[in-house]
Amino acid sequence: MTDDELWLVRHGATEWSVAGRHTSTTDLPLLPEGEEVARGLADRLADVEFAQVLTSPRTRARRTAELAGFAGADVDDDLVEWAYGDYEGVTTAQIREHDPGWTIWSHPTPGGETAAAVQARLDRVVERVRAADGRTLVFGHGHALRGLAARWLGLPVTDGRHFRLDTATVSVLGFEREEPVLQRWNS
């Protein structure tokens, strides 16, 4: 277990990610610049051996995986983005007009997922990764991957709020002296 690593890749830019609109179930394509940056990930990941490669079922994550050289990634429904419910497609500023101080990490999302539900499914991802022998690469989404990092470290999913994550970045989680650690973030 202590030699295992979890590599996280957030999908490339979409129209909504650039605009700051919450995107979970809406299946948007990558922008041309998002595709270009995703292609650039191929060189960064080419010399790394992975025991398994997983992706969210959303087009933006699957396309990022494909352009990065991992078209055969296994789809894992547990890697979908936090479901925003009524806040789908809405910016944080717009939500705060009627719910001051709102964040996905601290407030409910009407019609969306609870933090407990997100934590439960991300815990399944952590179990799957730790059961594999070697490195796992996952392609996913901003809030879900931040929550996944928190769960890897044994923190509540809501502590993902401490990990800013930009599009088309690579992050690496692993172990040091049998303890889960953050090795590289938002690179």
N, C-alpha and C. Protein backbone atom coordinates (compact mmCIF):
# COMPACT_ATOMS: atom_id res chain seq x y z
N MET A 1 0.82 -1.20 0.00
CA MET A 1 0.00 0.00 0.00
C MET A 1 0.86 1.26 0.00
N THR A 2 1.99 1.28 0.67
CA THR A 2 2.75 2.52 0.81
C THR A 2 3.46 2.93 -0.46
N ASP A 3 3.54 2.06 -1.48
CA ASP A 3 4.13 2.43 -2.76
C ASP A 3 3.08 2.97 -3.73
N ASP A 4 1.82 2.92 -3.36
CA ASP A 4 0.74 3.36 -4.24
C ASP A 4 0.68 4.88 -4.31
N GLU A 5 0.28 5.36 -5.49
CA GLU A 5 0.08 6.78 -5.69
C GLU A 5 -1.26 6.98 -6.40
N LEU A 6 -1.85 8.13 -6.16
CA LEU A 6 -3.07 8.53 -6.84
C LEU A 6 -2.76 9.82 -7.58
N TRP A 7 -2.81 9.75 -8.90
CA TRP A 7 -2.58 10.90 -9.76
C TRP A 7 -3.94 11.45 -10.18
N LEU A 8 -4.15 12.75 -10.01
CA LEU A 8 -5.41 13.40 -10.33
C LEU A 8 -5.21 14.38 -11.49
N VAL A 9 -6.09 14.32 -12.47
CA VAL A 9 -6.08 15.28 -13.57
C VAL A 9 -7.49 15.88 -13.67
N ARG A 10 -7.57 17.18 -13.53
CA ARG A 10 -8.84 17.86 -13.76
C ARG A 10 -8.99 18.07 -15.26
N HIS A 11 -10.20 17.93 -15.75
CA HIS A 11 -10.47 18.09 -17.18
C HIS A 11 -10.04 19.47 -17.68
N GLY A 12 -9.89 19.58 -19.00
CA GLY A 12 -9.56 20.85 -19.63
C GLY A 12 -10.71 21.84 -19.54
N ALA A 13 -10.44 23.05 -19.96
CA ALA A 13 -11.41 24.15 -19.85
C ALA A 13 -12.65 23.92 -20.72
N THR A 14 -13.79 24.29 -20.16
CA THR A 14 -15.08 24.31 -20.87
C THR A 14 -15.61 25.74 -20.81
N GLU A 15 -16.66 25.98 -21.57
CA GLU A 15 -17.27 27.31 -21.55
C GLU A 15 -17.69 27.70 -20.13
N TRP A 16 -18.28 26.76 -19.41
CA TRP A 16 -18.76 27.06 -18.06
C TRP A 16 -17.63 27.16 -17.05
N SER A 17 -16.59 26.35 -17.17
CA SER A 17 -15.49 26.45 -16.19
C SER A 17 -14.79 27.80 -16.32
N VAL A 18 -14.66 28.29 -17.55
CA VAL A 18 -14.06 29.61 -17.77
C VAL A 18 -14.95 30.71 -17.17
N ALA A 19 -16.25 30.55 -17.28
CA ALA A 19 -17.21 31.55 -16.77
C ALA A 19 -17.49 31.41 -15.28
N GLY A 20 -16.95 30.38 -14.64
CA GLY A 20 -17.19 30.18 -13.21
C GLY A 20 -18.56 29.62 -12.90
N ARG A 21 -19.20 29.01 -13.88
CA ARG A 21 -20.53 28.42 -13.67
C ARG A 21 -20.39 26.99 -13.16
N HIS A 22 -21.15 26.64 -12.13
CA HIS A 22 -21.10 25.30 -11.56
C HIS A 22 -21.60 24.28 -12.58
N THR A 23 -20.76 23.27 -12.83
CA THR A 23 -21.06 22.27 -13.86
C THR A 23 -20.93 20.88 -13.27
N SER A 24 -22.03 20.19 -13.14
CA SER A 24 -21.94 18.80 -12.69
C SER A 24 -22.56 17.90 -13.74
N THR A 25 -23.87 17.87 -13.83
CA THR A 25 -24.53 16.93 -14.74
C THR A 25 -24.61 17.42 -16.18
N THR A 26 -24.46 18.71 -16.42
CA THR A 26 -24.48 19.23 -17.78
C THR A 26 -23.22 18.75 -18.48
N ASP A 27 -23.39 18.06 -19.61
CA ASP A 27 -22.27 17.40 -20.27
C ASP A 27 -21.69 18.30 -21.37
N LEU A 28 -20.83 19.21 -20.99
CA LEU A 28 -20.25 20.17 -21.91
C LEU A 28 -18.97 19.65 -22.55
N PRO A 29 -18.71 20.05 -23.79
CA PRO A 29 -17.44 19.68 -24.44
C PRO A 29 -16.32 20.60 -23.97
N LEU A 30 -15.10 20.18 -24.21
CA LEU A 30 -13.96 21.05 -23.96
C LEU A 30 -13.94 22.17 -24.99
N LEU A 31 -13.45 23.33 -24.58
CA LEU A 31 -13.18 24.40 -25.52
C LEU A 31 -11.95 24.01 -26.35
N PRO A 32 -11.74 24.62 -27.50
CA PRO A 32 -10.52 24.31 -28.27
C PRO A 32 -9.24 24.47 -27.44
N GLU A 33 -9.18 25.52 -26.62
CA GLU A 33 -7.99 25.70 -25.77
C GLU A 33 -7.92 24.62 -24.68
N GLY A 34 -9.07 24.13 -24.24
CA GLY A 34 -9.09 23.02 -23.28
C GLY A 34 -8.56 21.75 -23.91
N GLU A 35 -8.88 21.53 -25.18
CA GLU A 35 -8.36 20.36 -25.90
C GLU A 35 -6.86 20.48 -26.10
N GLU A 36 -6.40 21.67 -26.43
CA GLU A 36 -4.97 21.88 -26.65
C GLU A 36 -4.16 21.58 -25.38
N VAL A 37 -4.62 22.10 -24.26
CA VAL A 37 -3.91 21.86 -23.00
C VAL A 37 -3.98 20.38 -22.62
N ALA A 38 -5.12 19.73 -22.88
CA ALA A 38 -5.26 18.30 -22.59
C ALA A 38 -4.26 17.48 -23.41
N ARG A 39 -4.05 17.87 -24.67
CA ARG A 39 -3.04 17.18 -25.50
C ARG A 39 -1.65 17.32 -24.87
N GLY A 40 -1.39 18.48 -24.29
CA GLY A 40 -0.10 18.72 -23.65
C GLY A 40 0.16 17.84 -22.44
N LEU A 41 -0.91 17.31 -21.85
CA LEU A 41 -0.74 16.41 -20.70
C LEU A 41 -0.10 15.10 -21.12
N ALA A 42 -0.25 14.72 -22.39
CA ALA A 42 0.28 13.43 -22.87
C ALA A 42 1.78 13.32 -22.61
N ASP A 43 2.54 14.36 -22.89
CA ASP A 43 3.98 14.33 -22.67
C ASP A 43 4.32 14.20 -21.19
N ARG A 44 3.53 14.84 -20.33
CA ARG A 44 3.79 14.80 -18.89
C ARG A 44 3.50 13.43 -18.28
N LEU A 45 2.57 12.69 -18.91
CA LEU A 45 2.13 11.41 -18.34
C LEU A 45 2.70 10.19 -19.08
N ALA A 46 3.32 10.40 -20.23
CA ALA A 46 3.73 9.29 -21.11
C ALA A 46 4.70 8.31 -20.46
N ASP A 47 5.61 8.78 -19.65
CA ASP A 47 6.64 7.91 -19.08
C ASP A 47 6.28 7.35 -17.71
N VAL A 48 5.04 7.54 -17.31
CA VAL A 48 4.60 7.06 -16.00
C VAL A 48 3.76 5.80 -16.22
N GLU A 49 4.05 4.76 -15.46
CA GLU A 49 3.30 3.51 -15.57
C GLU A 49 2.16 3.52 -14.54
N PHE A 50 0.96 3.24 -15.04
CA PHE A 50 -0.21 3.22 -14.18
C PHE A 50 -0.81 1.83 -14.13
N ALA A 51 -1.15 1.38 -12.93
CA ALA A 51 -1.81 0.08 -12.75
C ALA A 51 -3.26 0.16 -13.23
N GLN A 52 -3.87 1.33 -13.07
CA GLN A 52 -5.24 1.53 -13.55
C GLN A 52 -5.45 3.01 -13.86
N VAL A 53 -6.33 3.25 -14.83
CA VAL A 53 -6.69 4.61 -15.22
C VAL A 53 -8.21 4.68 -15.20
N LEU A 54 -8.73 5.65 -14.45
CA LEU A 54 -10.16 5.82 -14.27
C LEU A 54 -10.58 7.21 -14.74
N THR A 55 -11.82 7.31 -15.19
CA THR A 55 -12.34 8.62 -15.58
C THR A 55 -13.80 8.75 -15.19
N SER A 56 -14.19 9.97 -14.94
CA SER A 56 -15.61 10.30 -14.79
C SER A 56 -16.29 9.99 -16.13
N PRO A 57 -17.57 9.68 -16.11
CA PRO A 57 -18.28 9.43 -17.37
C PRO A 57 -18.57 10.69 -18.18
N ARG A 58 -18.39 11.86 -17.62
CA ARG A 58 -18.71 13.09 -18.33
C ARG A 58 -17.76 13.30 -19.51
N THR A 59 -18.30 13.83 -20.59
CA THR A 59 -17.54 14.02 -21.83
C THR A 59 -16.26 14.81 -21.60
N ARG A 60 -16.31 15.87 -20.80
CA ARG A 60 -15.14 16.72 -20.60
C ARG A 60 -13.99 15.96 -19.96
N ALA A 61 -14.29 15.04 -19.05
CA ALA A 61 -13.24 14.23 -18.42
C ALA A 61 -12.76 13.14 -19.36
N ARG A 62 -13.69 12.45 -20.03
CA ARG A 62 -13.31 11.37 -20.95
C ARG A 62 -12.48 11.91 -22.11
N ARG A 63 -12.85 13.09 -22.62
CA ARG A 63 -12.09 13.68 -23.73
C ARG A 63 -10.70 14.11 -23.28
N THR A 64 -10.59 14.63 -22.08
CA THR A 64 -9.27 14.98 -21.54
C THR A 64 -8.41 13.73 -21.43
N ALA A 65 -8.98 12.64 -20.93
CA ALA A 65 -8.25 11.37 -20.84
C ALA A 65 -7.79 10.92 -22.22
N GLU A 66 -8.69 10.98 -23.18
CA GLU A 66 -8.36 10.55 -24.55
C GLU A 66 -7.21 11.38 -25.13
N LEU A 67 -7.30 12.70 -25.02
CA LEU A 67 -6.28 13.57 -25.58
C LEU A 67 -4.94 13.45 -24.86
N ALA A 68 -4.99 13.05 -23.60
CA ALA A 68 -3.77 12.85 -22.81
C ALA A 68 -3.15 11.48 -23.06
N GLY A 69 -3.80 10.67 -23.91
CA GLY A 69 -3.25 9.37 -24.26
C GLY A 69 -3.86 8.19 -23.54
N PHE A 70 -5.01 8.39 -22.91
CA PHE A 70 -5.64 7.34 -22.12
C PHE A 70 -7.09 7.11 -22.56
N ALA A 71 -7.27 6.88 -23.84
CA ALA A 71 -8.61 6.67 -24.40
C ALA A 71 -9.29 5.44 -23.80
N GLY A 72 -8.53 4.48 -23.31
CA GLY A 72 -9.09 3.27 -22.74
C GLY A 72 -9.37 3.33 -21.25
N ALA A 73 -9.39 4.54 -20.68
CA ALA A 73 -9.64 4.68 -19.24
C ALA A 73 -10.98 4.06 -18.87
N ASP A 74 -11.02 3.40 -17.72
CA ASP A 74 -12.26 2.80 -17.21
C ASP A 74 -13.16 3.89 -16.63
N VAL A 75 -14.40 3.89 -17.04
CA VAL A 75 -15.38 4.86 -16.52
C VAL A 75 -15.79 4.44 -15.11
N ASP A 76 -15.72 5.39 -14.19
CA ASP A 76 -16.11 5.17 -12.80
C ASP A 76 -17.13 6.24 -12.42
N ASP A 77 -18.37 5.85 -12.25
CA ASP A 77 -19.44 6.80 -11.93
C ASP A 77 -19.20 7.54 -10.61
N ASP A 78 -18.39 6.99 -9.74
CA ASP A 78 -18.10 7.66 -8.47
C ASP A 78 -17.23 8.90 -8.65
N LEU A 79 -16.67 9.09 -9.84
CA LEU A 79 -15.81 10.26 -10.10
C LEU A 79 -16.56 11.45 -10.67
N VAL A 80 -17.90 11.36 -10.79
CA VAL A 80 -18.64 12.52 -11.30
C VAL A 80 -18.48 13.70 -10.36
N GLU A 81 -18.75 14.88 -10.91
CA GLU A 81 -18.67 16.11 -10.11
C GLU A 81 -19.78 16.14 -9.06
N TRP A 82 -19.54 16.85 -7.99
CA TRP A 82 -20.54 17.12 -6.95
C TRP A 82 -21.79 17.62 -7.66
N ALA A 83 -22.92 17.01 -7.42
CA ALA A 83 -24.17 17.41 -8.09
C ALA A 83 -24.69 18.71 -7.46
N TYR A 84 -24.78 19.76 -8.29
CA TYR A 84 -25.15 21.09 -7.80
C TYR A 84 -26.64 21.34 -7.76
N GLY A 85 -27.44 20.42 -8.27
CA GLY A 85 -28.89 20.58 -8.20
C GLY A 85 -29.36 21.88 -8.82
N ASP A 86 -30.12 22.65 -8.06
CA ASP A 86 -30.68 23.91 -8.54
C ASP A 86 -29.61 24.94 -8.89
N TYR A 87 -28.38 24.72 -8.44
CA TYR A 87 -27.29 25.66 -8.72
C TYR A 87 -26.48 25.28 -9.96
N GLU A 88 -26.94 24.28 -10.69
CA GLU A 88 -26.29 23.90 -11.94
C GLU A 88 -26.30 25.07 -12.91
N GLY A 89 -25.13 25.42 -13.43
CA GLY A 89 -25.01 26.50 -14.40
C GLY A 89 -24.98 27.89 -13.81
N VAL A 90 -25.01 27.99 -12.49
CA VAL A 90 -25.06 29.27 -11.79
C VAL A 90 -23.70 29.56 -11.17
N THR A 91 -23.30 30.82 -11.12
CA THR A 91 -22.03 31.19 -10.50
C THR A 91 -22.21 31.37 -8.98
N THR A 92 -21.11 31.32 -8.27
CA THR A 92 -21.15 31.54 -6.83
C THR A 92 -21.69 32.94 -6.52
N ALA A 93 -21.28 33.94 -7.28
CA ALA A 93 -21.78 35.31 -7.05
C ALA A 93 -23.30 35.38 -7.18
N GLN A 94 -23.85 34.68 -8.16
CA GLN A 94 -25.31 34.68 -8.34
C GLN A 94 -25.99 33.98 -7.16
N ILE A 95 -25.43 32.88 -6.70
CA ILE A 95 -26.02 32.17 -5.56
C ILE A 95 -25.99 33.04 -4.32
N ARG A 96 -24.89 33.75 -4.13
CA ARG A 96 -24.73 34.58 -2.92
C ARG A 96 -25.66 35.79 -2.90
N GLU A 97 -26.29 36.11 -4.01
CA GLU A 97 -27.28 37.19 -4.02
C GLU A 97 -28.46 36.85 -3.11
N HIS A 98 -28.78 35.56 -2.99
CA HIS A 98 -29.89 35.15 -2.12
C HIS A 98 -29.43 34.23 -0.98
N ASP A 99 -28.18 33.79 -1.01
CA ASP A 99 -27.64 32.92 0.05
C ASP A 99 -26.23 33.40 0.38
N PRO A 100 -26.12 34.51 1.13
CA PRO A 100 -24.81 35.12 1.42
C PRO A 100 -23.84 34.12 2.07
N GLY A 101 -22.62 34.17 1.61
CA GLY A 101 -21.58 33.31 2.17
C GLY A 101 -21.59 31.88 1.66
N TRP A 102 -22.49 31.57 0.72
CA TRP A 102 -22.61 30.19 0.24
C TRP A 102 -21.32 29.68 -0.37
N THR A 103 -20.97 28.43 -0.04
CA THR A 103 -19.95 27.66 -0.75
C THR A 103 -20.45 26.22 -0.81
N ILE A 104 -19.97 25.48 -1.77
CA ILE A 104 -20.33 24.05 -1.87
C ILE A 104 -19.87 23.30 -0.63
N TRP A 105 -18.82 23.80 0.00
CA TRP A 105 -18.19 23.12 1.14
C TRP A 105 -18.94 23.34 2.45
N SER A 106 -19.73 24.42 2.53
CA SER A 106 -20.30 24.78 3.83
C SER A 106 -21.82 24.90 3.86
N HIS A 107 -22.47 24.91 2.70
CA HIS A 107 -23.91 25.14 2.65
C HIS A 107 -24.59 24.05 1.83
N PRO A 108 -25.87 23.83 2.06
CA PRO A 108 -26.59 22.86 1.24
C PRO A 108 -26.79 23.36 -0.19
N THR A 109 -27.00 22.42 -1.09
CA THR A 109 -27.31 22.73 -2.48
C THR A 109 -28.69 22.17 -2.76
N PRO A 110 -29.70 23.03 -2.87
CA PRO A 110 -31.07 22.56 -3.10
C PRO A 110 -31.13 21.65 -4.34
N GLY A 111 -31.69 20.46 -4.14
CA GLY A 111 -31.81 19.52 -5.24
C GLY A 111 -30.52 18.82 -5.61
N GLY A 112 -29.44 19.11 -4.90
CA GLY A 112 -28.13 18.54 -5.21
C GLY A 112 -27.69 17.51 -4.20
N GLU A 113 -26.42 17.18 -4.26
CA GLU A 113 -25.83 16.16 -3.37
C GLU A 113 -25.42 16.76 -2.04
N THR A 114 -25.51 15.96 -1.00
CA THR A 114 -24.99 16.37 0.30
C THR A 114 -23.51 16.03 0.37
N ALA A 115 -22.82 16.68 1.28
CA ALA A 115 -21.40 16.37 1.49
C ALA A 115 -21.24 14.90 1.89
N ALA A 116 -22.17 14.38 2.69
CA ALA A 116 -22.08 12.97 3.12
C ALA A 116 -22.18 12.02 1.93
N ALA A 117 -23.06 12.31 0.98
CA ALA A 117 -23.19 11.46 -0.20
C ALA A 117 -21.94 11.51 -1.06
N VAL A 118 -21.38 12.70 -1.24
CA VAL A 118 -20.15 12.84 -2.02
C VAL A 118 -19.02 12.09 -1.32
N GLN A 119 -18.92 12.25 -0.01
CA GLN A 119 -17.87 11.57 0.74
C GLN A 119 -17.98 10.06 0.60
N ALA A 120 -19.18 9.52 0.65
CA ALA A 120 -19.37 8.07 0.54
C ALA A 120 -18.87 7.54 -0.81
N ARG A 121 -19.19 8.24 -1.88
CA ARG A 121 -18.75 7.73 -3.19
C ARG A 121 -17.26 7.94 -3.41
N LEU A 122 -16.70 9.03 -2.87
CA LEU A 122 -15.26 9.23 -3.01
C LEU A 122 -14.48 8.25 -2.15
N ASP A 123 -15.06 7.82 -1.04
CA ASP A 123 -14.42 6.77 -0.23
C ASP A 123 -14.31 5.47 -1.02
N ARG A 124 -15.28 5.19 -1.87
CA ARG A 124 -15.20 4.00 -2.73
C ARG A 124 -14.05 4.12 -3.72
N VAL A 125 -13.81 5.32 -4.21
CA VAL A 125 -12.68 5.53 -5.12
C VAL A 125 -11.37 5.29 -4.37
N VAL A 126 -11.24 5.84 -3.18
CA VAL A 126 -10.02 5.64 -2.39
C VAL A 126 -9.79 4.15 -2.15
N GLU A 127 -10.84 3.41 -1.81
CA GLU A 127 -10.71 1.96 -1.59
C GLU A 127 -10.23 1.26 -2.86
N ARG A 128 -10.81 1.64 -3.99
CA ARG A 128 -10.41 1.02 -5.27
C ARG A 128 -8.94 1.31 -5.58
N VAL A 129 -8.52 2.53 -5.36
CA VAL A 129 -7.14 2.92 -5.63
C VAL A 129 -6.18 2.17 -4.70
N ARG A 130 -6.50 2.10 -3.43
CA ARG A 130 -5.61 1.43 -2.48
C ARG A 130 -5.58 -0.07 -2.67
N ALA A 131 -6.61 -0.64 -3.32
CA ALA A 131 -6.63 -2.08 -3.59
C ALA A 131 -5.79 -2.42 -4.83
N ALA A 132 -5.51 -1.42 -5.66
CA ALA A 132 -4.69 -1.65 -6.85
C ALA A 132 -3.23 -1.75 -6.44
N ASP A 133 -2.45 -2.38 -7.26
CA ASP A 133 -1.01 -2.50 -6.99
C ASP A 133 -0.27 -1.54 -7.90
N GLY A 134 0.08 -0.36 -7.38
CA GLY A 134 0.78 0.64 -8.16
C GLY A 134 0.01 1.94 -8.25
N ARG A 135 0.40 2.74 -9.23
CA ARG A 135 -0.20 4.06 -9.42
C ARG A 135 -1.57 3.97 -10.10
N THR A 136 -2.46 4.87 -9.69
CA THR A 136 -3.74 5.04 -10.35
C THR A 136 -3.82 6.47 -10.85
N LEU A 137 -4.31 6.62 -12.07
CA LEU A 137 -4.53 7.93 -12.68
C LEU A 137 -6.03 8.12 -12.81
N VAL A 138 -6.54 9.27 -12.35
CA VAL A 138 -7.97 9.56 -12.51
C VAL A 138 -8.17 10.90 -13.20
N PHE A 139 -9.18 10.94 -14.06
CA PHE A 139 -9.58 12.16 -14.75
C PHE A 139 -10.95 12.54 -14.20
N GLY A 140 -11.06 13.76 -13.71
CA GLY A 140 -12.32 14.16 -13.10
C GLY A 140 -12.52 15.66 -13.07
N HIS A 141 -13.16 16.13 -12.00
CA HIS A 141 -13.71 17.48 -11.92
C HIS A 141 -13.20 18.19 -10.66
N GLY A 142 -13.27 19.51 -10.70
CA GLY A 142 -12.70 20.34 -9.65
C GLY A 142 -13.11 20.02 -8.22
N HIS A 143 -14.39 20.14 -7.89
CA HIS A 143 -14.80 19.91 -6.51
C HIS A 143 -14.66 18.45 -6.10
N ALA A 144 -15.01 17.53 -6.99
CA ALA A 144 -14.90 16.11 -6.64
C ALA A 144 -13.45 15.71 -6.41
N LEU A 145 -12.52 16.18 -7.23
CA LEU A 145 -11.12 15.82 -7.04
C LEU A 145 -10.54 16.47 -5.79
N ARG A 146 -10.98 17.67 -5.47
CA ARG A 146 -10.54 18.31 -4.23
C ARG A 146 -11.03 17.51 -3.03
N GLY A 147 -12.30 17.07 -3.11
CA GLY A 147 -12.84 16.22 -2.06
C GLY A 147 -12.13 14.88 -1.98
N LEU A 148 -11.76 14.33 -3.14
CA LEU A 148 -11.03 13.06 -3.17
C LEU A 148 -9.67 13.20 -2.49
N ALA A 149 -9.00 14.31 -2.72
CA ALA A 149 -7.72 14.55 -2.04
C ALA A 149 -7.92 14.59 -0.52
N ALA A 150 -8.96 15.27 -0.09
CA ALA A 150 -9.23 15.32 1.35
C ALA A 150 -9.46 13.92 1.92
N ARG A 151 -10.24 13.11 1.22
CA ARG A 151 -10.52 11.76 1.70
C ARG A 151 -9.26 10.89 1.68
N TRP A 152 -8.41 11.04 0.68
CA TRP A 152 -7.13 10.32 0.63
C TRP A 152 -6.32 10.60 1.90
N LEU A 153 -6.36 11.87 2.33
CA LEU A 153 -5.60 12.30 3.51
C LEU A 153 -6.32 12.00 4.82
N GLY A 154 -7.52 11.42 4.76
CA GLY A 154 -8.27 11.10 5.96
C GLY A 154 -9.04 12.27 6.54
N LEU A 155 -9.23 13.31 5.74
CA LEU A 155 -9.95 14.51 6.18
C LEU A 155 -11.40 14.46 5.70
N PRO A 156 -12.30 15.22 6.32
CA PRO A 156 -13.67 15.29 5.81
C PRO A 156 -13.67 15.83 4.38
N VAL A 157 -14.61 15.39 3.57
CA VAL A 157 -14.69 15.82 2.18
C VAL A 157 -14.74 17.34 2.08
N THR A 158 -15.34 18.00 3.05
CA THR A 158 -15.46 19.46 3.01
C THR A 158 -14.12 20.17 3.17
N ASP A 159 -13.10 19.46 3.63
CA ASP A 159 -11.77 20.07 3.70
C ASP A 159 -11.13 20.20 2.32
N GLY A 160 -11.80 19.70 1.29
CA GLY A 160 -11.35 19.96 -0.07
C GLY A 160 -11.32 21.44 -0.39
N ARG A 161 -11.99 22.24 0.43
CA ARG A 161 -12.01 23.69 0.24
C ARG A 161 -10.61 24.30 0.31
N HIS A 162 -9.67 23.58 0.91
CA HIS A 162 -8.30 24.09 1.07
C HIS A 162 -7.40 23.82 -0.13
N PHE A 163 -7.92 23.13 -1.13
CA PHE A 163 -7.10 22.71 -2.27
C PHE A 163 -7.61 23.31 -3.57
N ARG A 164 -7.15 24.46 -3.93
CA ARG A 164 -7.52 25.07 -5.22
C ARG A 164 -7.06 24.13 -6.32
N LEU A 165 -7.89 23.97 -7.37
CA LEU A 165 -7.53 23.07 -8.45
C LEU A 165 -7.96 23.67 -9.79
N ASP A 166 -6.98 23.99 -10.61
CA ASP A 166 -7.24 24.59 -11.92
C ASP A 166 -7.48 23.49 -12.96
N THR A 167 -8.03 23.89 -14.12
CA THR A 167 -8.28 22.93 -15.19
C THR A 167 -6.97 22.41 -15.77
N ALA A 168 -7.02 21.16 -16.24
CA ALA A 168 -5.90 20.50 -16.93
C ALA A 168 -4.60 20.51 -16.12
N THR A 169 -4.73 20.31 -14.82
CA THR A 169 -3.55 20.22 -13.95
C THR A 169 -3.36 18.80 -13.47
N VAL A 170 -2.14 18.51 -13.02
CA VAL A 170 -1.79 17.20 -12.49
C VAL A 170 -1.45 17.36 -11.01
N SER A 171 -2.00 16.48 -10.19
CA SER A 171 -1.70 16.45 -8.77
C SER A 171 -1.37 15.01 -8.40
N VAL A 172 -0.52 14.83 -7.40
CA VAL A 172 -0.10 13.49 -7.00
C VAL A 172 -0.24 13.33 -5.49
N LEU A 173 -0.93 12.26 -5.09
CA LEU A 173 -1.08 11.89 -3.69
C LEU A 173 -0.36 10.57 -3.49
N GLY A 174 0.22 10.39 -2.34
CA GLY A 174 0.94 9.14 -2.08
C GLY A 174 1.05 8.87 -0.60
N PHE A 175 2.17 8.28 -0.24
CA PHE A 175 2.44 7.92 1.15
C PHE A 175 3.87 8.31 1.52
N GLU A 176 4.05 8.66 2.78
CA GLU A 176 5.37 8.82 3.37
C GLU A 176 5.32 8.18 4.74
N ARG A 177 6.18 7.20 4.94
CA ARG A 177 6.19 6.45 6.20
C ARG A 177 4.78 5.97 6.59
N GLU A 178 4.13 5.34 5.64
CA GLU A 178 2.80 4.75 5.80
C GLU A 178 1.68 5.76 6.02
N GLU A 179 1.97 7.05 5.92
CA GLU A 179 0.95 8.09 6.09
C GLU A 179 0.60 8.68 4.74
N PRO A 180 -0.70 8.87 4.45
CA PRO A 180 -1.09 9.50 3.19
C PRO A 180 -0.63 10.96 3.15
N VAL A 181 -0.07 11.36 2.01
CA VAL A 181 0.46 12.72 1.87
C VAL A 181 0.10 13.30 0.51
N LEU A 182 0.22 14.61 0.44
CA LEU A 182 0.12 15.36 -0.80
C LEU A 182 1.54 15.52 -1.32
N GLN A 183 1.83 14.95 -2.49
CA GLN A 183 3.18 15.03 -3.05
C GLN A 183 3.35 16.21 -4.00
N ARG A 184 2.31 16.47 -4.79
CA ARG A 184 2.35 17.56 -5.77
C ARG A 184 0.92 18.02 -5.97
N TRP A 185 0.72 19.34 -6.07
CA TRP A 185 -0.65 19.81 -6.21
C TRP A 185 -0.75 20.92 -7.27
N ASN A 186 -1.80 20.81 -8.08
CA ASN A 186 -2.18 21.85 -9.05
C ASN A 186 -1.04 22.19 -9.99
N SER A 187 -0.29 21.17 -10.40
CA SER A 187 0.91 21.36 -11.21
C SER A 187 0.55 21.34 -12.69
